Structure formats: C-alpha cells, structure tokens
C-alpha cells in the first residue's frame, strides 16, 4: 500500500512561499528576461543569461521560442492624470490725469 502526503503551501502577499524551505521563482512584472528568487520571504531580482527568458512553468531560464512571455520591455512612466491649471495675473495701474502746463493769456492794450 502506497501513502501520499499532500502539504498545502501558504503564500505571502509578495508571491513568495511562507515556508523558507520551499524553492520558488517568480516571473518579473514586465521583463521576460528577469525573475525573482525568494530569499527568506523577500523577493530578490535576478536576470536570465543574455538571449533567454524566464520560464515560470519550468522555473528556469529558457529559449524565448519555448517561453510564453509577451512583454520584454521597460514600462514607461506610470500613467497619471493631472488637471491643467493656469493662472492669469492682471495688474492695473491707475494714473492721475496728465497735468497740463499752465495756460498763459496775453492781452494787448493800446495806449493813446
């Protein structure tokens, strides 16, 4: 008679197994050439050799044609929506009315 024992694996929120005795590799979020190794519950980034991709099903680096990975580029900056704001500053200066030069009146009178 053969007895099989099944042990359930508990996973941490970061994807690593809770038990440090379990060897588990995690695919990188967006780069097919990279993966994470779990080291005492912490993800540590590693890279595959040049020209190979991480194969999560086999837990090894493999030839790209043998790996089902669709992205292998660095993502751009995170998408953010920012409302455009503009500030207009208006300065009004009120000047007094121009001062006219004094008017001179000349009168001539004939003397007899």
C-alpha atoms as a PDB file:
ATOM      1  CA  UNK A   1       0.000   0.000   0.000  1.00  0.00           C
ATOM      2  CA  UNK A   2       1.300   3.458  -1.017  1.00  0.00           C
ATOM      3  CA  UNK A   3       0.620   6.550   1.087  1.00  0.00           C
ATOM      4  CA  UNK A   4       0.716  10.049  -0.410  1.00  0.00           C
ATOM      5  CA  UNK A   5       1.006  13.107   1.799  1.00  0.00           C
ATOM      6  CA  UNK A   6      -0.073  16.474   0.418  1.00  0.00           C
ATOM      7  CA  UNK A   7       1.167  19.646   2.058  1.00  0.00           C
ATOM      8  CA  UNK A   8      -0.629  22.909   1.365  1.00  0.00           C
ATOM      9  CA  UNK A   9       1.661  25.841   0.606  1.00  0.00           C
ATOM     10  CA  UNK A  10       0.886  29.179   2.228  1.00  0.00           C
ATOM     11  CA  UNK A  11       1.903  32.196   0.146  1.00  0.00           C
ATOM     12  CA  UNK A  12       2.968  35.640   1.325  1.00  0.00           C
ATOM     13  CA  UNK A  13       1.365  38.753  -0.244  1.00  0.00           C
ATOM     14  CA  UNK A  14       4.500  39.333  -2.381  1.00  0.00           C
ATOM     15  CA  UNK A  15       4.149  35.884  -4.025  1.00  0.00           C
ATOM     16  CA  UNK A  16       6.861  34.094  -2.046  1.00  0.00           C
ATOM     17  CA  UNK A  17       6.053  30.933  -0.099  1.00  0.00           C
ATOM     18  CA  UNK A  18       5.678  31.385   3.632  1.00  0.00           C
ATOM     19  CA  UNK A  19       7.965  28.405   4.265  1.00  0.00           C
ATOM     20  CA  UNK A  20      11.617  29.268   3.680  1.00  0.00           C
ATOM     21  CA  UNK A  21      12.301  25.607   2.809  1.00  0.00           C
ATOM     22  CA  UNK A  22      10.400  25.891  -0.494  1.00  0.00           C
ATOM     23  CA  UNK A  23      12.405  26.970  -3.549  1.00  0.00           C
ATOM     24  CA  UNK A  24      10.167  29.166  -5.729  1.00  0.00           C
ATOM     25  CA  UNK A  25      10.938  31.657  -8.508  1.00  0.00           C
ATOM     26  CA  UNK A  26       8.509  34.416  -9.529  1.00  0.00           C
ATOM     27  CA  UNK A  27       8.306  35.981 -13.006  1.00  0.00           C
ATOM     28  CA  UNK A  28       9.102  39.692 -13.250  1.00  0.00           C
ATOM     29  CA  UNK A  29       6.110  42.011 -13.735  1.00  0.00           C
ATOM     30  CA  UNK A  30       7.071  43.233 -17.223  1.00  0.00           C
ATOM     31  CA  UNK A  31      10.533  41.994 -18.256  1.00  0.00           C
ATOM     32  CA  UNK A  32      10.689  38.426 -19.640  1.00  0.00           C
ATOM     33  CA  UNK A  33      14.461  38.319 -19.049  1.00  0.00           C
ATOM     34  CA  UNK A  34      14.081  38.874 -15.289  1.00  0.00           C
ATOM     35  CA  UNK A  35      12.643  36.927 -12.381  1.00  0.00           C
ATOM     36  CA  UNK A  36      12.633  36.976  -8.571  1.00  0.00           C
ATOM     37  CA  UNK A  37      14.100  34.413  -6.239  1.00  0.00           C
ATOM     38  CA  UNK A  38      12.502  34.184  -2.806  1.00  0.00           C
ATOM     39  CA  UNK A  39      15.096  34.652  -0.080  1.00  0.00           C
ATOM     40  CA  UNK A  40      13.641  34.229   3.397  1.00  0.00           C
ATOM     41  CA  UNK A  41      10.301  35.617   2.222  1.00  0.00           C
ATOM     42  CA  UNK A  42      11.759  38.578   0.304  1.00  0.00           C
ATOM     43  CA  UNK A  43      11.779  38.907  -3.497  1.00  0.00           C
ATOM     44  CA  UNK A  44      15.276  39.407  -4.929  1.00  0.00           C
ATOM     45  CA  UNK A  45      15.501  40.378  -8.611  1.00  0.00           C
ATOM     46  CA  UNK A  46      17.688  38.271 -10.911  1.00  0.00           C
ATOM     47  CA  UNK A  47      18.291  38.234 -14.673  1.00  0.00           C
ATOM     48  CA  UNK A  48      18.476  35.329 -17.089  1.00  0.00           C
ATOM     49  CA  UNK A  49      21.509  34.925 -19.342  1.00  0.00           C
ATOM     50  CA  UNK A  50      21.542  37.082 -22.471  1.00  0.00           C
ATOM     51  CA  UNK A  51      19.093  35.769 -25.057  1.00  0.00           C
ATOM     52  CA  UNK A  52      16.981  33.738 -22.629  1.00  0.00           C
ATOM     53  CA  UNK A  53      13.647  34.334 -20.894  1.00  0.00           C
ATOM     54  CA  UNK A  54      12.396  33.153 -17.542  1.00  0.00           C
ATOM     55  CA  UNK A  55      10.046  30.179 -17.884  1.00  0.00           C
ATOM     56  CA  UNK A  56       7.719  30.164 -14.840  1.00  0.00           C
ATOM     57  CA  UNK A  57       6.285  26.726 -15.629  1.00  0.00           C
ATOM     58  CA  UNK A  58       9.731  25.073 -15.587  1.00  0.00           C
ATOM     59  CA  UNK A  59      11.262  27.549 -13.085  1.00  0.00           C
ATOM     60  CA  UNK A  60      14.332  28.032 -15.328  1.00  0.00           C
ATOM     61  CA  UNK A  61      15.671  30.432 -17.960  1.00  0.00           C
ATOM     62  CA  UNK A  62      14.847  29.060 -21.394  1.00  0.00           C
ATOM     63  CA  UNK A  63      14.975  29.972 -25.094  1.00  0.00           C
ATOM     64  CA  UNK A  64      12.423  32.695 -25.992  1.00  0.00           C
ATOM     65  CA  UNK A  65      10.602  30.447 -28.504  1.00  0.00           C
ATOM     66  CA  UNK A  66       9.922  27.954 -25.694  1.00  0.00           C
ATOM     67  CA  UNK A  67       8.572  30.526 -23.216  1.00  0.00           C
ATOM     68  CA  UNK A  68       5.087  32.039 -23.218  1.00  0.00           C
ATOM     69  CA  UNK A  69       6.006  35.640 -22.405  1.00  0.00           C
ATOM     70  CA  UNK A  70       4.506  38.608 -24.234  1.00  0.00           C
ATOM     71  CA  UNK A  71       6.319  41.619 -22.797  1.00  0.00           C
ATOM     72  CA  UNK A  72      10.013  42.254 -22.615  1.00  0.00           C
ATOM     73  CA  UNK A  73      10.459  45.974 -22.345  1.00  0.00           C
ATOM     74  CA  UNK A  74      10.765  48.503 -19.616  1.00  0.00           C
ATOM     75  CA  UNK A  75       7.481  50.243 -18.965  1.00  0.00           C
ATOM     76  CA  UNK A  76       7.138  53.954 -19.438  1.00  0.00           C
ATOM     77  CA  UNK A  77       6.384  56.276 -16.587  1.00  0.00           C
ATOM     78  CA  UNK A  78       3.181  55.494 -14.748  1.00  0.00           C
ATOM     79  CA  UNK A  79       0.091  56.949 -16.332  1.00  0.00           C
ATOM     80  CA  UNK A  80      -1.158  59.892 -14.363  1.00  0.00           C
ATOM     81  CA  UNK A  81      -3.933  62.299 -14.984  1.00  0.00           C
ATOM     82  CA  UNK A  82      -3.250  65.811 -13.950  1.00  0.00           C
ATOM     83  CA  UNK A  83      -5.665  68.664 -14.370  1.00  0.00           C
ATOM     84  CA  UNK A  84      -4.107  71.595 -16.146  1.00  0.00           C
ATOM     85  CA  UNK A  85      -4.272  74.790 -14.206  1.00  0.00           C
ATOM     86  CA  UNK A  86      -3.435  78.207 -15.448  1.00  0.00           C
ATOM     87  CA  UNK A  87      -3.033  81.405 -13.538  1.00  0.00           C
ATOM     88  CA  UNK A  88      -3.599  84.748 -15.122  1.00  0.00           C
ATOM     89  CA  UNK A  89      -2.305  87.778 -13.336  1.00  0.00           C
ATOM     90  CA  UNK A  90      -3.562  91.196 -14.320  1.00  0.00           C
ATOM     91  CA  UNK A  91      -2.048  94.354 -12.919  1.00  0.00           C
ATOM     92  CA  UNK A  92      -3.965  97.588 -13.348  1.00  0.00           C
ATOM     93  CA  UNK A  93      -2.269 100.876 -12.620  1.00  0.00           C
ATOM     94  CA  UNK A  94      -4.419 103.976 -12.400  1.00  0.00           C
ATOM     95  CA  UNK A  95      -2.545 107.130 -13.291  1.00  0.00           C
ATOM     96  CA  UNK A  96      -3.756 110.612 -12.458  1.00  0.00           C
ATOM     97  CA  UNK A  97      -4.862 112.633 -15.460  1.00  0.00           C
ATOM     98  CA  UNK A  98      -1.991 114.350 -17.185  1.00  0.00           C
ATOM     99  CA  UNK A  99      -1.145 117.769 -15.850  1.00  0.00           C
ATOM    100  CA  UNK A 100      -1.378 120.418 -18.496  1.00  0.00           C
ATOM    101  CA  UNK A 101       1.065 123.302 -18.435  1.00  0.00           C
ATOM    102  CA  UNK A 102      -0.425 126.493 -17.075  1.00  0.00           C
ATOM    103  CA  UNK A 103      -2.195 128.497 -19.670  1.00  0.00           C
ATOM    104  CA  UNK A 104      -0.987 131.998 -20.270  1.00  0.00           C
ATOM    105  CA  UNK A 105      -3.239 134.619 -21.593  1.00  0.00           C
ATOM    106  CA  UNK A 106      -1.720 137.541 -23.337  1.00  0.00           C
ATOM    107  CA  UNK A 107      -3.723 140.658 -23.741  1.00  0.00           C
ATOM    108  CA  UNK A 108      -2.587 143.653 -25.543  1.00  0.00           C
ATOM    109  CA  UNK A 109      -3.899 147.063 -24.932  1.00  0.00           C
ATOM    110  CA  UNK A 110      -3.263 150.078 -26.947  1.00  0.00           C
ATOM    111  CA  UNK A 111      -2.412 153.118 -25.006  1.00  0.00           C
ATOM    112  CA  UNK A 112      -3.453 156.523 -26.597  1.00  0.00           C
END
